[in-house]
Amino acid sequence: MSMRLGEKIRKEREQQGLSRDNLVKKMDISVNTLYKIETSKMPRPSFEIIKKIAVALKISLDSL
């Protein structure tokens, strides 16, 4: 079973030792938005949000 987008983001964030607060400080989204993405309450975030997350985590879009 493949991981969902939110699970991948949460796992990568935690591996980097970042809290949600720390990560959102690197981009222009709210903690609430990141929470919704990580918990699949926002299953299809916009490409722009995904791109911001990838840049903030210093990972490729392909890895998400």
N, C-alpha and C. Protein backbone atom coordinates (compact mmCIF):
# COMPACT_ATOMS: atom_id res chain seq x y z
N MET A 1 0.84 -1.19 0.00
CA MET A 1 0.00 0.00 0.00
C MET A 1 0.88 1.25 0.00
N SER A 2 0.62 2.15 -0.92
CA SER A 2 1.44 3.35 -1.00
C SER A 2 0.95 4.39 0.01
N MET A 3 1.88 5.22 0.43
CA MET A 3 1.55 6.27 1.39
C MET A 3 0.82 7.40 0.68
N ARG A 4 -0.11 7.99 1.37
CA ARG A 4 -0.81 9.17 0.85
C ARG A 4 0.10 10.38 0.96
N LEU A 5 -0.24 11.41 0.22
CA LEU A 5 0.55 12.64 0.21
C LEU A 5 0.78 13.17 1.62
N GLY A 6 -0.28 13.29 2.39
CA GLY A 6 -0.16 13.83 3.74
C GLY A 6 0.76 13.01 4.63
N GLU A 7 0.68 11.69 4.49
CA GLU A 7 1.55 10.81 5.27
C GLU A 7 3.01 11.01 4.89
N LYS A 8 3.27 11.18 3.60
CA LYS A 8 4.63 11.40 3.13
C LYS A 8 5.19 12.71 3.66
N ILE A 9 4.36 13.75 3.63
CA ILE A 9 4.79 15.06 4.13
C ILE A 9 5.08 14.98 5.62
N ARG A 10 4.16 14.38 6.39
CA ARG A 10 4.37 14.28 7.83
C ARG A 10 5.63 13.49 8.15
N LYS A 11 5.82 12.37 7.47
CA LYS A 11 7.00 11.54 7.72
C LYS A 11 8.28 12.31 7.43
N GLU A 12 8.32 12.99 6.31
CA GLU A 12 9.51 13.77 5.95
C GLU A 12 9.75 14.89 6.95
N ARG A 13 8.69 15.58 7.34
CA ARG A 13 8.81 16.67 8.32
C ARG A 13 9.37 16.15 9.64
N GLU A 14 8.83 15.03 10.10
CA GLU A 14 9.29 14.45 11.37
C GLU A 14 10.72 13.94 11.26
N GLN A 15 11.09 13.37 10.13
CA GLN A 15 12.47 12.90 9.95
C GLN A 15 13.46 14.06 10.00
N GLN A 16 13.01 15.22 9.58
CA GLN A 16 13.86 16.41 9.62
C GLN A 16 13.80 17.12 10.98
N GLY A 17 13.00 16.58 11.90
CA GLY A 17 12.90 17.16 13.23
C GLY A 17 12.16 18.48 13.28
N LEU A 18 11.23 18.66 12.35
CA LEU A 18 10.47 19.92 12.29
C LEU A 18 9.07 19.74 12.85
N SER A 19 8.63 20.72 13.60
CA SER A 19 7.22 20.75 14.02
C SER A 19 6.43 21.40 12.89
N ARG A 20 5.13 21.31 12.96
CA ARG A 20 4.31 21.99 11.95
C ARG A 20 4.58 23.49 11.98
N ASP A 21 4.70 24.05 13.19
CA ASP A 21 4.98 25.48 13.32
C ASP A 21 6.29 25.85 12.62
N ASN A 22 7.33 25.04 12.83
CA ASN A 22 8.62 25.31 12.20
C ASN A 22 8.52 25.27 10.68
N LEU A 23 7.79 24.30 10.17
CA LEU A 23 7.69 24.15 8.72
C LEU A 23 6.90 25.29 8.09
N VAL A 24 5.77 25.67 8.68
CA VAL A 24 4.96 26.73 8.05
C VAL A 24 5.64 28.09 8.10
N LYS A 25 6.60 28.27 9.01
CA LYS A 25 7.35 29.52 9.05
C LYS A 25 8.19 29.69 7.79
N LYS A 26 8.48 28.58 7.11
CA LYS A 26 9.28 28.61 5.89
C LYS A 26 8.44 28.86 4.65
N MET A 27 7.13 28.92 4.80
CA MET A 27 6.25 29.12 3.64
C MET A 27 5.04 29.95 4.04
N ASP A 28 4.20 30.23 3.08
CA ASP A 28 3.06 31.11 3.32
C ASP A 28 1.76 30.30 3.39
N ILE A 29 1.70 29.35 4.36
CA ILE A 29 0.45 28.64 4.62
C ILE A 29 0.27 28.56 6.13
N SER A 30 -0.93 28.28 6.56
CA SER A 30 -1.20 28.22 8.00
C SER A 30 -0.92 26.83 8.55
N VAL A 31 -0.74 26.76 9.85
CA VAL A 31 -0.57 25.48 10.53
C VAL A 31 -1.81 24.62 10.30
N ASN A 32 -2.97 25.24 10.32
CA ASN A 32 -4.22 24.52 10.10
C ASN A 32 -4.26 23.87 8.71
N THR A 33 -3.78 24.58 7.71
CA THR A 33 -3.74 24.01 6.35
C THR A 33 -2.80 22.82 6.31
N LEU A 34 -1.62 22.94 6.90
CA LEU A 34 -0.68 21.83 6.92
C LEU A 34 -1.26 20.64 7.68
N TYR A 35 -1.92 20.90 8.78
CA TYR A 35 -2.57 19.83 9.55
C TYR A 35 -3.59 19.09 8.68
N LYS A 36 -4.41 19.85 7.97
CA LYS A 36 -5.43 19.23 7.12
C LYS A 36 -4.81 18.38 6.02
N ILE A 37 -3.70 18.84 5.46
CA ILE A 37 -3.03 18.07 4.42
C ILE A 37 -2.46 16.78 5.01
N GLU A 38 -1.79 16.89 6.14
CA GLU A 38 -1.16 15.72 6.76
C GLU A 38 -2.18 14.69 7.23
N THR A 39 -3.35 15.13 7.60
CA THR A 39 -4.37 14.20 8.09
C THR A 39 -5.40 13.83 7.03
N SER A 40 -5.12 14.17 5.79
CA SER A 40 -5.98 13.87 4.64
C SER A 40 -7.36 14.51 4.72
N LYS A 41 -7.50 15.56 5.51
CA LYS A 41 -8.75 16.31 5.54
C LYS A 41 -8.80 17.29 4.38
N MET A 42 -7.65 17.48 3.74
CA MET A 42 -7.55 18.25 2.49
C MET A 42 -6.78 17.33 1.54
N PRO A 43 -7.47 16.37 0.95
CA PRO A 43 -6.80 15.33 0.16
C PRO A 43 -6.14 15.82 -1.13
N ARG A 44 -6.58 16.95 -1.65
CA ARG A 44 -6.03 17.45 -2.91
C ARG A 44 -5.64 18.92 -2.80
N PRO A 45 -4.54 19.20 -2.09
CA PRO A 45 -4.09 20.59 -2.02
C PRO A 45 -3.64 21.08 -3.40
N SER A 46 -3.60 22.37 -3.57
CA SER A 46 -3.20 22.94 -4.86
C SER A 46 -1.73 22.61 -5.14
N PHE A 47 -1.38 22.67 -6.42
CA PHE A 47 0.01 22.43 -6.81
C PHE A 47 0.92 23.44 -6.14
N GLU A 48 0.48 24.69 -6.03
CA GLU A 48 1.31 25.73 -5.40
C GLU A 48 1.64 25.38 -3.95
N ILE A 49 0.67 24.87 -3.22
CA ILE A 49 0.92 24.49 -1.82
C ILE A 49 1.88 23.31 -1.76
N ILE A 50 1.68 22.33 -2.62
CA ILE A 50 2.59 21.18 -2.64
C ILE A 50 4.01 21.63 -2.97
N LYS A 51 4.13 22.54 -3.91
CA LYS A 51 5.45 23.06 -4.29
C LYS A 51 6.10 23.79 -3.11
N LYS A 52 5.34 24.60 -2.39
CA LYS A 52 5.88 25.31 -1.23
C LYS A 52 6.38 24.33 -0.17
N ILE A 53 5.63 23.26 0.04
CA ILE A 53 6.02 22.26 1.03
C ILE A 53 7.31 21.57 0.59
N ALA A 54 7.39 21.18 -0.67
CA ALA A 54 8.59 20.52 -1.18
C ALA A 54 9.82 21.41 -1.04
N VAL A 55 9.67 22.68 -1.37
CA VAL A 55 10.78 23.62 -1.26
C VAL A 55 11.19 23.78 0.20
N ALA A 56 10.21 23.95 1.09
CA ALA A 56 10.51 24.13 2.51
C ALA A 56 11.20 22.90 3.12
N LEU A 57 10.81 21.71 2.64
CA LEU A 57 11.42 20.48 3.13
C LEU A 57 12.70 20.12 2.39
N LYS A 58 13.01 20.89 1.32
CA LYS A 58 14.18 20.65 0.49
C LYS A 58 14.16 19.26 -0.12
N ILE A 59 12.98 18.90 -0.68
CA ILE A 59 12.82 17.61 -1.35
C ILE A 59 12.22 17.86 -2.73
N SER A 60 12.34 16.89 -3.61
CA SER A 60 11.79 17.04 -4.95
C SER A 60 10.29 16.80 -4.93
N LEU A 61 9.62 17.38 -5.88
CA LEU A 61 8.18 17.15 -6.04
C LEU A 61 7.92 15.67 -6.33
N ASP A 62 8.82 15.05 -7.06
CA ASP A 62 8.66 13.63 -7.40
C ASP A 62 8.63 12.74 -6.16
N SER A 63 9.32 13.14 -5.10
CA SER A 63 9.36 12.30 -3.91
C SER A 63 8.04 12.34 -3.13
N LEU A 64 7.20 13.31 -3.47
CA LEU A 64 5.88 13.38 -2.84
C LEU A 64 4.89 12.62 -3.68
